[in-house]
PDB file of N, CA and C in Angstrom:
ATOM      1  N   MET A   1     243.335 121.651  94.913  1.00  0.00           N
ATOM      2  CA  MET A   1     244.277 121.045  96.260  1.00  0.00           C
ATOM      3  C   MET A   1     245.450 119.557  95.780  1.00  0.00           C
ATOM      4  N   VAL A   2     246.646 120.119  95.535  1.00  0.00           N
ATOM      5  CA  VAL A   2     247.430 119.245  94.385  1.00  0.00           C
ATOM      6  C   VAL A   2     248.779 119.849  95.504  1.00  0.00           C
ATOM      7  N   CYS A   3     248.448 120.139  96.459  1.00  0.00           N
ATOM      8  CA  CYS A   3     249.801 119.551  97.066  1.00  0.00           C
ATOM      9  C   CYS A   3     249.930 119.040  98.496  1.00  0.00           C
ATOM     10  N   ARG A   4     251.372 118.798  99.383  1.00  0.00           N
ATOM     11  CA  ARG A   4     250.748 118.865 100.425  1.00  0.00           C
ATOM     12  C   ARG A   4     250.761 119.583 101.724  1.00  0.00           C
ATOM     13  N   TYR A   5     251.654 120.668 101.041  1.00  0.00           N
ATOM     14  CA  TYR A   5     251.178 122.065 101.422  1.00  0.00           C
ATOM     15  C   TYR A   5     249.339 122.875 101.838  1.00  0.00           C
ATOM     16  N   CYS A   6     249.093 122.106 100.486  1.00  0.00           N
ATOM     17  CA  CYS A   6     247.742 122.911 100.930  1.00  0.00           C
ATOM     18  C   CYS A   6     246.757 121.552 101.334  1.00  0.00           C
ATOM     19  N   LYS A   7     247.140 120.511 101.280  1.00  0.00           N
ATOM     20  CA  LYS A   7     246.488 119.483 102.628  1.00  0.00           C
ATOM     21  C   LYS A   7     246.455 119.917 103.738  1.00  0.00           C
ATOM     22  N   ASP A   8     247.417 120.180 104.625  1.00  0.00           N
ATOM     23  CA  ASP A   8     248.409 120.611 105.685  1.00  0.00           C
ATOM     24  C   ASP A   8     247.151 121.917 106.380  1.00  0.00           C
ATOM     25  N   MET A   9     246.785 122.726 105.156  1.00  0.00           N
ATOM     26  CA  MET A   9     246.588 123.863 105.304  1.00  0.00           C
ATOM     27  C   MET A   9     244.539 123.451 105.287  1.00  0.00           C
ATOM     28  N   VAL A  10     244.620 123.156 104.724  1.00  0.00           N
ATOM     29  CA  VAL A  10     243.145 122.899 104.418  1.00  0.00           C
ATOM     30  C   VAL A  10     242.935 122.056 105.705  1.00  0.00           C
ATOM     31  N   ALA A  11     243.264 121.044 106.220  1.00  0.00           N
ATOM     32  CA  ALA A  11     243.307 120.580 107.461  1.00  0.00           C
ATOM     33  C   ALA A  11     243.087 121.476 108.743  1.00  0.00           C
ATOM     34  N   ARG A  12     244.244 121.846 108.476  1.00  0.00           N
ATOM     35  CA  ARG A  12     244.134 123.251 109.396  1.00  0.00           C
ATOM     36  C   ARG A  12     242.975 124.042 109.617  1.00  0.00           C
ATOM     37  N   LEU A  13     242.574 124.362 108.656  1.00  0.00           N
ATOM     38  CA  LEU A  13     241.688 125.167 108.562  1.00  0.00           C
ATOM     39  C   LEU A  13     240.430 124.628 108.677  1.00  0.00           C
ATOM     40  N   VAL A  14     240.086 123.775 108.544  1.00  0.00           N
ATOM     41  CA  VAL A  14     238.188 122.619 109.030  1.00  0.00           C
ATOM     42  C   VAL A  14     238.627 122.289 110.157  1.00  0.00           C
ATOM     43  N   THR A  15     239.686 122.093 110.821  1.00  0.00           N
ATOM     44  CA  THR A  15     239.522 121.589 112.341  1.00  0.00           C
ATOM     45  C   THR A  15     239.346 122.461 113.137  1.00  0.00           C
ATOM     46  N   SER A  16     239.962 123.702 112.369  1.00  0.00           N
ATOM     47  CA  SER A  16     239.900 125.418 113.419  1.00  0.00           C
ATOM     48  C   SER A  16     238.597 125.482 113.843  1.00  0.00           C
ATOM     49  N   ILE A  17     237.856 125.229 112.977  1.00  0.00           N
ATOM     50  CA  ILE A  17     235.786 125.481 112.824  1.00  0.00           C
ATOM     51  C   ILE A  17     235.276 124.301 114.236  1.00  0.00           C
ATOM     52  N   ASN A  18     235.029 125.165 114.945  1.00  0.00           N
ATOM     53  CA  ASN A  18     233.800 124.622 116.326  1.00  0.00           C
ATOM     54  C   ASN A  18     233.494 123.705 115.883  1.00  0.00           C
ATOM     55  N   GLY A  19     233.116 122.188 116.274  1.00  0.00           N
ATOM     56  CA  GLY A  19     232.069 121.063 115.825  1.00  0.00           C
ATOM     57  C   GLY A  19     232.600 120.109 115.238  1.00  0.00           C
ATOM     58  N   VAL A  20     234.165 120.241 113.984  1.00  0.00           N
ATOM     59  CA  VAL A  20     234.686 119.682 113.568  1.00  0.00           C
ATOM     60  C   VAL A  20     235.386 118.440 114.085  1.00  0.00           C
ATOM     61  N   SER A  21     235.129 117.088 113.583  1.00  0.00           N
ATOM     62  CA  SER A  21     235.652 115.938 114.416  1.00  0.00           C
ATOM     63  C   SER A  21     236.620 115.530 113.749  1.00  0.00           C
ATOM     64  N   ARG A  22     236.382 115.357 112.121  1.00  0.00           N
ATOM     65  CA  ARG A  22     237.524 114.533 111.550  1.00  0.00           C
ATOM     66  C   ARG A  22     237.124 115.263 110.138  1.00  0.00           C
ATOM     67  N   VAL A  23     238.556 115.340 109.820  1.00  0.00           N
ATOM     68  CA  VAL A  23     238.286 115.754 108.014  1.00  0.00           C
ATOM     69  C   VAL A  23     239.666 114.587 107.667  1.00  0.00           C
ATOM     70  N   ASN A  24     239.280 113.925 106.314  1.00  0.00           N
ATOM     71  CA  ASN A  24     239.068 113.625 105.457  1.00  0.00           C
ATOM     72  C   ASN A  24     239.832 113.900 103.972  1.00  0.00           C
ATOM     73  N   ILE A  25     241.179 114.324 103.441  1.00  0.00           N
ATOM     74  CA  ILE A  25     241.519 114.773 102.560  1.00  0.00           C
ATOM     75  C   ILE A  25     242.329 113.548 101.345  1.00  0.00           C
ATOM     76  N   ASN A  26     241.685 113.721 100.234  1.00  0.00           N
ATOM     77  CA  ASN A  26     242.576 112.906  99.351  1.00  0.00           C
ATOM     78  C   ASN A  26     243.067 113.798  98.047  1.00  0.00           C
ATOM     79  N   ILE A  27     244.714 113.904  98.234  1.00  0.00           N
ATOM     80  CA  ILE A  27     244.757 114.875  97.190  1.00  0.00           C
ATOM     81  C   ILE A  27     244.851 114.350  95.690  1.00  0.00           C
ATOM     82  N   PRO A  28     244.879 113.260  95.670  1.00  0.00           N
ATOM     83  CA  PRO A  28     244.698 112.651  93.902  1.00  0.00           C
ATOM     84  C   PRO A  28     243.580 112.613  93.354  1.00  0.00           C
ATOM     85  N   GLU A  29     241.968 112.808  94.515  1.00  0.00           N
ATOM     86  CA  GLU A  29     240.883 113.105  93.804  1.00  0.00           C
ATOM     87  C   GLU A  29     240.114 114.117  94.281  1.00  0.00           C
ATOM     88  N   ARG A  30     241.335 115.475  94.774  1.00  0.00           N
ATOM     89  CA  ARG A  30     241.017 116.539  95.633  1.00  0.00           C
ATOM     90  C   ARG A  30     239.595 116.610  96.300  1.00  0.00           C
ATOM     91  N   THR A  31     239.445 116.005  96.922  1.00  0.00           N
ATOM     92  CA  THR A  31     238.333 116.117  97.911  1.00  0.00           C
ATOM     93  C   THR A  31     238.861 116.077  99.170  1.00  0.00           C
ATOM     94  N   VAL A  32     237.454 116.467  99.695  1.00  0.00           N
ATOM     95  CA  VAL A  32     238.174 116.707 101.713  1.00  0.00           C
ATOM     96  C   VAL A  32     236.049 115.885 102.046  1.00  0.00           C
ATOM     97  N   ASN A  33     237.016 115.085 102.621  1.00  0.00           N
ATOM     98  CA  ASN A  33     235.500 115.043 103.445  1.00  0.00           C
ATOM     99  C   ASN A  33     235.244 115.112 105.248  1.00  0.00           C
ATOM    100  N   VAL A  34     234.380 115.661 105.587  1.00  0.00           N
ATOM    101  CA  VAL A  34     234.181 116.417 106.864  1.00  0.00           C
ATOM    102  C   VAL A  34     233.558 115.787 107.524  1.00  0.00           C
ATOM    103  N   THR A  35     233.427 115.319 108.757  1.00  0.00           N
ATOM    104  CA  THR A  35     232.512 114.559 110.277  1.00  0.00           C
ATOM    105  C   THR A  35     232.735 116.224 110.738  1.00  0.00           C
ATOM    106  N   TYR A  36     231.249 116.445 111.200  1.00  0.00           N
ATOM    107  CA  TYR A  36     230.922 117.696 112.274  1.00  0.00           C
ATOM    108  C   TYR A  36     229.844 117.503 112.663  1.00  0.00           C
ATOM    109  N   ASP A  37     229.878 118.382 113.697  1.00  0.00           N
ATOM    110  CA  ASP A  37     228.348 118.000 114.950  1.00  0.00           C
ATOM    111  C   ASP A  37     227.332 119.298 114.256  1.00  0.00           C
ATOM    112  N   SER A  38     226.728 118.950 113.451  1.00  0.00           N
ATOM    113  CA  SER A  38     225.493 119.735 113.143  1.00  0.00           C
ATOM    114  C   SER A  38     224.996 120.557 114.071  1.00  0.00           C
ATOM    115  N   ARG A  39     224.879 120.361 115.186  1.00  0.00           N
ATOM    116  CA  ARG A  39     224.447 120.884 116.413  1.00  0.00           C
ATOM    117  C   ARG A  39     225.339 122.040 116.440  1.00  0.00           C
ATOM    118  N   ILE A  40     226.839 122.158 116.178  1.00  0.00           N
ATOM    119  CA  ILE A  40     227.080 123.202 116.262  1.00  0.00           C
ATOM    120  C   ILE A  40     228.088 124.030 115.477  1.00  0.00           C
ATOM    121  N   THR A  41     228.056 123.252 114.179  1.00  0.00           N
ATOM    122  CA  THR A  41     228.583 124.144 112.805  1.00  0.00           C
ATOM    123  C   THR A  41     227.525 123.482 111.729  1.00  0.00           C
ATOM    124  N   ASP A  42     227.418 124.048 110.490  1.00  0.00           N
ATOM    125  CA  ASP A  42     227.115 123.539 109.036  1.00  0.00           C
ATOM    126  C   ASP A  42     227.892 123.119 108.193  1.00  0.00           C
ATOM    127  N   ALA A  43     227.997 122.839 107.174  1.00  0.00           N
ATOM    128  CA  ALA A  43     228.602 122.788 105.549  1.00  0.00           C
ATOM    129  C   ALA A  43     228.535 124.275 105.277  1.00  0.00           C
ATOM    130  N   TYR A  44     227.919 125.335 105.336  1.00  0.00           N
ATOM    131  CA  TYR A  44     228.228 126.402 104.840  1.00  0.00           C
ATOM    132  C   TYR A  44     228.961 127.449 105.645  1.00  0.00           C
ATOM    133  N   VAL A  45     229.510 126.626 106.969  1.00  0.00           N
ATOM    134  CA  VAL A  45     230.261 127.751 107.227  1.00  0.00           C
ATOM    135  C   VAL A  45     231.611 127.024 106.785  1.00  0.00           C
ATOM    136  N   ILE A  46     231.790 125.861 106.872  1.00  0.00           N
ATOM    137  CA  ILE A  46     232.871 125.161 106.378  1.00  0.00           C
ATOM    138  C   ILE A  46     233.341 125.277 105.234  1.00  0.00           C
ATOM    139  N   GLN A  47     232.504 126.021 103.968  1.00  0.00           N
ATOM    140  CA  GLN A  47     232.399 126.194 102.541  1.00  0.00           C
ATOM    141  C   GLN A  47     232.895 127.955 103.095  1.00  0.00           C
ATOM    142  N   MET A  48     232.068 128.475 103.638  1.00  0.00           N
ATOM    143  CA  MET A  48     232.528 129.761 103.996  1.00  0.00           C
ATOM    144  C   MET A  48     234.508 130.208 104.184  1.00  0.00           C
ATOM    145  N   THR A  49     234.753 129.640 105.350  1.00  0.00           N
ATOM    146  CA  THR A  49     236.249 129.147 105.591  1.00  0.00           C
ATOM    147  C   THR A  49     237.102 129.221 105.003  1.00  0.00           C
ATOM    148  N   LEU A  50     236.901 127.476 103.832  1.00  0.00           N
ATOM    149  CA  LEU A  50     237.471 127.435 102.344  1.00  0.00           C
ATOM    150  C   LEU A  50     237.593 128.748 101.510  1.00  0.00           C
ATOM    151  N   LEU A  51     236.390 128.570 101.472  1.00  0.00           N
ATOM    152  CA  LEU A  51     236.284 130.107 100.183  1.00  0.00           C
ATOM    153  C   LEU A  51     237.524 131.389 101.073  1.00  0.00           C
ATOM    154  N   LYS A  52     237.162 132.031 101.819  1.00  0.00           N
ATOM    155  CA  LYS A  52     238.007 133.022 102.287  1.00  0.00           C
ATOM    156  C   LYS A  52     239.148 132.218 102.306  1.00  0.00           C
ATOM    157  N   ALA A  53     240.340 131.453 102.460  1.00  0.00           N
ATOM    158  CA  ALA A  53     241.469 130.673 102.066  1.00  0.00           C
ATOM    159  C   ALA A  53     242.117 130.788 100.885  1.00  0.00           C
ATOM    160  N   GLY A  54     241.045 130.882  99.768  1.00  0.00           N
ATOM    161  CA  GLY A  54     240.948 131.297  98.985  1.00  0.00           C
ATOM    162  C   GLY A  54     241.057 129.805  98.123  1.00  0.00           C
ATOM    163  N   TYR A  55     240.515 128.666  98.548  1.00  0.00           N
ATOM    164  CA  TYR A  55     240.086 127.565  98.019  1.00  0.00           C
ATOM    165  C   TYR A  55     238.774 127.468  97.136  1.00  0.00           C
ATOM    166  N   LYS A  56     238.205 126.535  95.652  1.00  0.00           N
ATOM    167  CA  LYS A  56     237.431 126.672  95.503  1.00  0.00           C
ATOM    168  C   LYS A  56     236.251 126.013  95.633  1.00  0.00           C
ATOM    169  N   ILE A  57     235.224 125.917  95.679  1.00  0.00           N
ATOM    170  CA  ILE A  57     234.406 125.234  96.196  1.00  0.00           C
ATOM    171  C   ILE A  57     233.921 124.137  94.869  1.00  0.00           C
ATOM    172  N   VAL A  58     233.736 123.334  94.714  1.00  0.00           N
ATOM    173  CA  VAL A  58     232.606 122.434  93.355  1.00  0.00           C
ATOM    174  C   VAL A  58     232.073 121.498  93.945  1.00  0.00           C
ATOM    175  N   GLU A  59     230.616 121.821  93.653  1.00  0.00           N
ATOM    176  CA  GLU A  59     229.789 120.724  93.983  1.00  0.00           C
ATOM    177  C   GLU A  59     229.189 119.694  93.328  1.00  0.00           C
ATOM    178  N   ASP A  60     229.397 118.717  92.846  1.00  0.00           N
ATOM    179  CA  ASP A  60     228.403 117.355  92.433  1.00  0.00           C
ATOM    180  C   ASP A  60     227.712 117.049  93.545  1.00  0.00           C
ATOM    181  N   PRO A  61     226.593 115.928  92.620  1.00  0.00           N
ATOM    182  CA  PRO A  61     225.313 115.805  93.495  1.00  0.00           C
ATOM    183  C   PRO A  61     225.883 114.772  94.478  1.00  0.00           C
ATOM    184  N   GLY A  62     225.367 115.369  95.542  1.00  0.00           N
ATOM    185  CA  GLY A  62     225.512 114.028  96.690  1.00  0.00           C
ATOM    186  C   GLY A  62     227.248 114.656  97.613  1.00  0.00           C
ATOM    187  N   LYS A  63     228.276 115.069  96.974  1.00  0.00           N
ATOM    188  CA  LYS A  63     229.020 115.632  97.336  1.00  0.00           C
ATOM    189  C   LYS A  63     229.276 117.235  97.256  1.00  0.00           C
ATOM    190  N   ILE A  64     230.350 117.891  98.237  1.00  0.00           N
ATOM    191  CA  ILE A  64     230.627 118.749  98.305  1.00  0.00           C
ATOM    192  C   ILE A  64     232.180 119.207  98.254  1.00  0.00           C
ATOM    193  N   PHE A  65     232.741 119.730  97.198  1.00  0.00           N
ATOM    194  CA  PHE A  65     234.112 119.572  97.817  1.00  0.00           C
ATOM    195  C   PHE A  65     234.591 120.872  97.391  1.00  0.00           C
TER     196      PHE A  65
END
């Protein structure tokens, strides 16, 4: 994620998932932090949504990008 378009696209994709309440995107760090209700959705659904849109998921201990 390197541009404003990508940031907006990721925000739209993730916020369209039922149960997501907040998305914080940091372009310089290339990170996405998502707040969601775990009774409704989970990290797997969020990751698959981004993968299907063509974004790469990089996992770091304690973080999912």
